[in-house]
Each structure stands twice: as C-alpha cells, then as structure tokens.
Amino acid sequence: MKSQCIAIAVLAIASVTLGMSSAYADKMECKSKGDFVRCALPNANHRHVSLHKETSHNKCEKGYTWGADSDGIWVDRKCKGVFHYRNDKGHHEDYEEQHSRHKGRSGDCPSDIRGNECAYYRDGYKAGKNDGKMSMSRAYERHSDDYDSRFERYFAKGYKAGWNDFR
C-alpha cells in the first residue's frame, strides 16, 4: 500500500512537471542592441509569453524593456533573452477587446489634414497607439526615422492622438 502511494505521488508530480513544460512548447530569442526591436510572432499577446532566460547584461523588465503584442515580442534598451510562448491562443483577451472605449478608433485624419500630411498623421497615430499600449512615455521623437522632418508636426499630432486614445 505504501509503495502504491509513493508511485502515485511520483506519477502525479511527473505529469504536472511534464504538463508545465509542454505548455510552453516553443521558444525564440529576441535581442536589442539598444534600439526597439520587434521579433515577429503573430498574436504574441495571446500566447502567454514569458522570459525564460536573460542573455544580456542589462536587466529585462516586462512592460519596460520587453513585452508582447499582436505583432510579436518586442525588446528595447539592450534587453536580450530567450522567450517561451504557447502555440495556442490561450485565454487572455487582447487589450483592445477588453477596453471597449478603444473600439472603432482608426486614426482617421482630421478634416483639415490631407495628402502626405494625412499619411504622416496616420503613421504617427499608429506609433502613438502602439507606444500607449506598451505603456511607454509619450515621446514621438523616438520614431524620428519614421517621418520626414518637413511633416514632423503632422506625425506628432497623430502620435499624440494615438497615444491618448490607448492610455
């Protein structure tokens, strides 16, 4: 009887351990050399991403130097690591689905902005929305490679609108 209880306990521990390791069936390395980097992984925000192993000298902090969104795993500020994720979608809802006040916002240009100015406004809106979702500061200048300086004010205006919509 005692040996049967021990055998059952060993099997129970083994099944829990194996179940936990198979929950994170896949892994990927993602690293930043100082700038923001996104490693493509569709629907990463639904895949229960976790930092498995930090491979940098700089500290990786979830939400600050790494995170996951609908486009993939992102790293910043020299964070480097191996990330585990589930193959399935899991049970977490996307931020936008949870917060209905954000539904329907698209970054459409104000009526007084047209043409190239509107394109830069929309680019700014998208960048601001993404930064707002990741709880980053409202500093559009980090995206200076994304816009022509002649259209900076339109990018900045769109960025502010996108950031405010998702904060």
Protein backbone atom coordinates (compact mmCIF):
# COMPACT_ATOMS: atom_id res chain seq x y z
CA MET A 1 0.00 0.00 0.00
CA LYS A 2 2.78 2.42 0.94
CA SER A 3 4.67 1.73 -2.30
CA GLN A 4 1.48 2.33 -4.31
CA CYS A 5 1.02 5.75 -2.66
CA ILE A 6 4.63 6.66 -3.44
CA ALA A 7 4.22 5.52 -7.05
CA ILE A 8 1.03 7.56 -7.44
CA ALA A 9 2.73 10.63 -5.94
CA VAL A 10 5.71 10.26 -8.30
CA LEU A 11 3.39 9.90 -11.30
CA ALA A 12 1.35 12.94 -10.22
CA ILE A 13 4.47 15.10 -9.85
CA ALA A 14 5.81 13.88 -13.19
CA SER A 15 2.55 14.63 -15.00
CA VAL A 16 2.37 18.14 -13.54
CA THR A 17 6.01 18.80 -14.44
CA LEU A 18 5.58 17.47 -17.98
CA GLY A 19 2.33 19.38 -18.38
CA MET A 20 4.02 22.64 -17.41
CA SER A 21 6.94 22.14 -19.77
CA SER A 22 4.68 21.31 -22.71
CA ALA A 23 2.57 24.41 -22.11
CA TYR A 24 5.49 26.44 -23.38
CA ALA A 25 6.32 24.30 -26.37
CA ASP A 26 8.16 26.95 -28.38
CA LYS A 27 10.86 29.48 -27.73
CA MET A 28 12.57 32.28 -29.58
CA GLU A 29 15.49 34.57 -28.97
CA CYS A 30 14.93 38.28 -29.27
CA LYS A 31 17.59 40.91 -28.67
CA SER A 32 18.05 44.65 -28.75
CA LYS A 33 21.35 46.35 -29.41
CA GLY A 34 19.96 49.49 -27.80
CA ASP A 35 17.02 50.31 -30.05
CA PHE A 36 13.47 48.97 -30.11
CA VAL A 37 13.27 45.60 -31.91
CA ARG A 38 10.19 43.52 -32.67
CA CYS A 39 10.57 39.78 -33.26
CA ALA A 40 7.67 38.63 -35.39
CA LEU A 41 5.22 36.29 -33.68
CA PRO A 42 1.59 36.80 -34.72
CA ASN A 43 -0.81 37.14 -31.78
CA ALA A 44 2.00 37.01 -29.22
CA ASN A 45 -0.28 38.82 -26.78
CA HIS A 46 -2.45 35.67 -26.73
CA ARG A 47 0.41 33.19 -26.31
CA HIS A 48 1.42 33.62 -22.66
CA VAL A 49 4.93 34.82 -23.43
CA SER A 50 7.48 34.58 -20.63
CA LEU A 51 11.15 35.44 -20.36
CA HIS A 52 12.85 32.07 -19.95
CA LYS A 53 16.49 33.18 -19.88
CA GLU A 54 18.02 36.63 -19.83
CA THR A 55 21.11 36.67 -22.08
CA SER A 56 22.12 40.29 -21.67
CA HIS A 57 23.99 42.21 -19.02
CA ASN A 58 21.15 44.74 -18.94
CA LYS A 59 18.07 43.87 -16.91
CA CYS A 60 15.00 42.84 -18.87
CA GLU A 61 11.75 44.09 -17.28
CA LYS A 62 8.36 43.10 -18.65
CA GLY A 63 6.44 46.14 -19.86
CA TYR A 64 9.55 48.34 -19.86
CA THR A 65 12.30 46.61 -21.85
CA TRP A 66 10.28 43.70 -23.23
CA GLY A 67 6.69 42.78 -23.94
CA ALA A 68 4.33 41.04 -26.34
CA ASP A 69 1.64 42.45 -28.59
CA SER A 70 -0.36 41.36 -31.61
CA ASP A 71 2.69 41.63 -33.89
CA GLY A 72 5.27 39.83 -31.78
CA ILE A 73 7.69 40.01 -28.90
CA TRP A 74 9.42 43.38 -28.53
CA VAL A 75 12.63 44.26 -26.74
CA ASP A 76 14.33 47.58 -26.08
CA ARG A 77 17.29 49.13 -24.23
CA LYS A 78 19.73 46.23 -24.80
CA CYS A 79 17.40 43.58 -23.39
CA LYS A 80 18.30 40.16 -24.80
CA GLY A 81 16.66 36.90 -23.91
CA VAL A 82 15.11 33.59 -24.77
CA PHE A 83 11.33 33.76 -24.58
CA HIS A 84 8.91 30.85 -24.21
CA TYR A 85 5.41 31.00 -25.63
CA ARG A 86 2.44 28.72 -26.16
CA ASN A 87 1.42 27.53 -29.57
CA ASP A 88 -2.26 28.01 -28.80
CA LYS A 89 -4.05 31.29 -28.27
CA GLY A 90 -4.58 30.78 -24.54
CA HIS A 91 -7.38 32.53 -22.72
CA HIS A 92 -6.26 36.15 -22.40
CA GLU A 93 -8.19 38.75 -24.32
CA ASP A 94 -6.40 41.40 -26.29
CA TYR A 95 -6.17 44.78 -24.59
CA GLU A 96 -8.36 46.39 -27.21
CA GLU A 97 -11.06 43.73 -26.81
CA GLN A 98 -11.09 44.25 -23.04
CA HIS A 99 -11.43 48.02 -23.24
CA SER A 100 -14.38 48.82 -25.48
CA ARG A 101 -13.72 52.57 -25.28
CA HIS A 102 -10.91 51.95 -27.77
CA LYS A 103 -13.03 50.16 -30.37
CA GLY A 104 -13.66 52.00 -33.59
CA ARG A 105 -10.73 54.37 -33.33
CA SER A 106 -8.74 54.23 -36.50
CA GLY A 107 -6.51 57.27 -36.64
CA ASP A 108 -8.55 58.91 -39.40
CA CYS A 109 -7.16 62.29 -40.31
CA PRO A 110 -8.87 65.44 -39.10
CA SER A 111 -10.72 67.22 -41.90
CA ASP A 112 -8.03 69.92 -42.21
CA ILE A 113 -5.22 67.40 -42.94
CA ARG A 114 -4.94 65.85 -46.43
CA GLY A 115 -2.48 64.15 -48.76
CA ASN A 116 1.05 63.49 -47.49
CA GLU A 117 0.24 65.26 -44.25
CA CYS A 118 -2.55 62.75 -43.63
CA ALA A 119 -0.22 59.81 -44.33
CA TYR A 120 2.24 61.09 -41.73
CA TYR A 121 -0.60 61.74 -39.28
CA ARG A 122 -1.77 58.12 -39.65
CA ASP A 123 1.80 56.83 -39.20
CA GLY A 124 2.11 58.93 -36.06
CA TYR A 125 -1.26 57.69 -34.78
CA LYS A 126 -0.19 54.06 -35.24
CA ALA A 127 3.15 54.65 -33.47
CA GLY A 128 1.44 56.50 -30.62
CA LYS A 129 -1.19 53.80 -30.27
CA ASN A 130 1.48 51.09 -30.05
CA ASP A 131 3.56 53.06 -27.54
CA GLY A 132 0.45 53.79 -25.46
CA LYS A 133 -0.50 50.11 -25.41
CA MET A 134 3.02 49.28 -24.19
CA SER A 135 2.84 51.99 -21.52
CA MET A 136 5.77 53.86 -23.00
CA SER A 137 6.27 57.58 -22.49
CA ARG A 138 4.68 59.99 -24.96
CA ALA A 139 7.91 60.86 -26.78
CA TYR A 140 7.25 60.70 -30.52
CA GLU A 141 10.87 61.71 -31.19
CA ARG A 142 11.99 58.09 -30.68
CA HIS A 143 10.37 57.47 -34.08
CA SER A 144 12.30 60.21 -35.88
CA ASP A 145 13.42 57.73 -38.56
CA ASP A 146 9.76 57.20 -39.46
CA TYR A 147 8.99 60.68 -40.72
CA ASP A 148 10.40 63.43 -42.89
CA SER A 149 11.21 66.48 -40.76
CA ARG A 150 9.01 68.62 -43.04
CA PHE A 151 6.00 66.60 -41.82
CA GLU A 152 7.02 66.29 -38.16
CA ARG A 153 4.12 68.33 -36.84
CA TYR A 154 1.58 66.01 -38.54
CA PHE A 155 3.34 62.89 -37.26
CA ALA A 156 3.48 64.44 -33.76
CA LYS A 157 -0.21 65.37 -33.84
CA GLY A 158 -1.19 61.84 -34.92
CA TYR A 159 1.15 60.32 -32.35
CA LYS A 160 -0.43 62.33 -29.54
CA ALA A 161 -3.94 61.32 -30.64
CA GLY A 162 -3.00 57.63 -30.88
CA TRP A 163 -1.18 57.65 -27.56
CA ASN A 164 -4.07 59.40 -25.80
CA ASP A 165 -6.65 57.02 -27.30
CA PHE A 166 -4.90 54.00 -25.83
CA ARG A 167 -3.81 55.31 -22.42
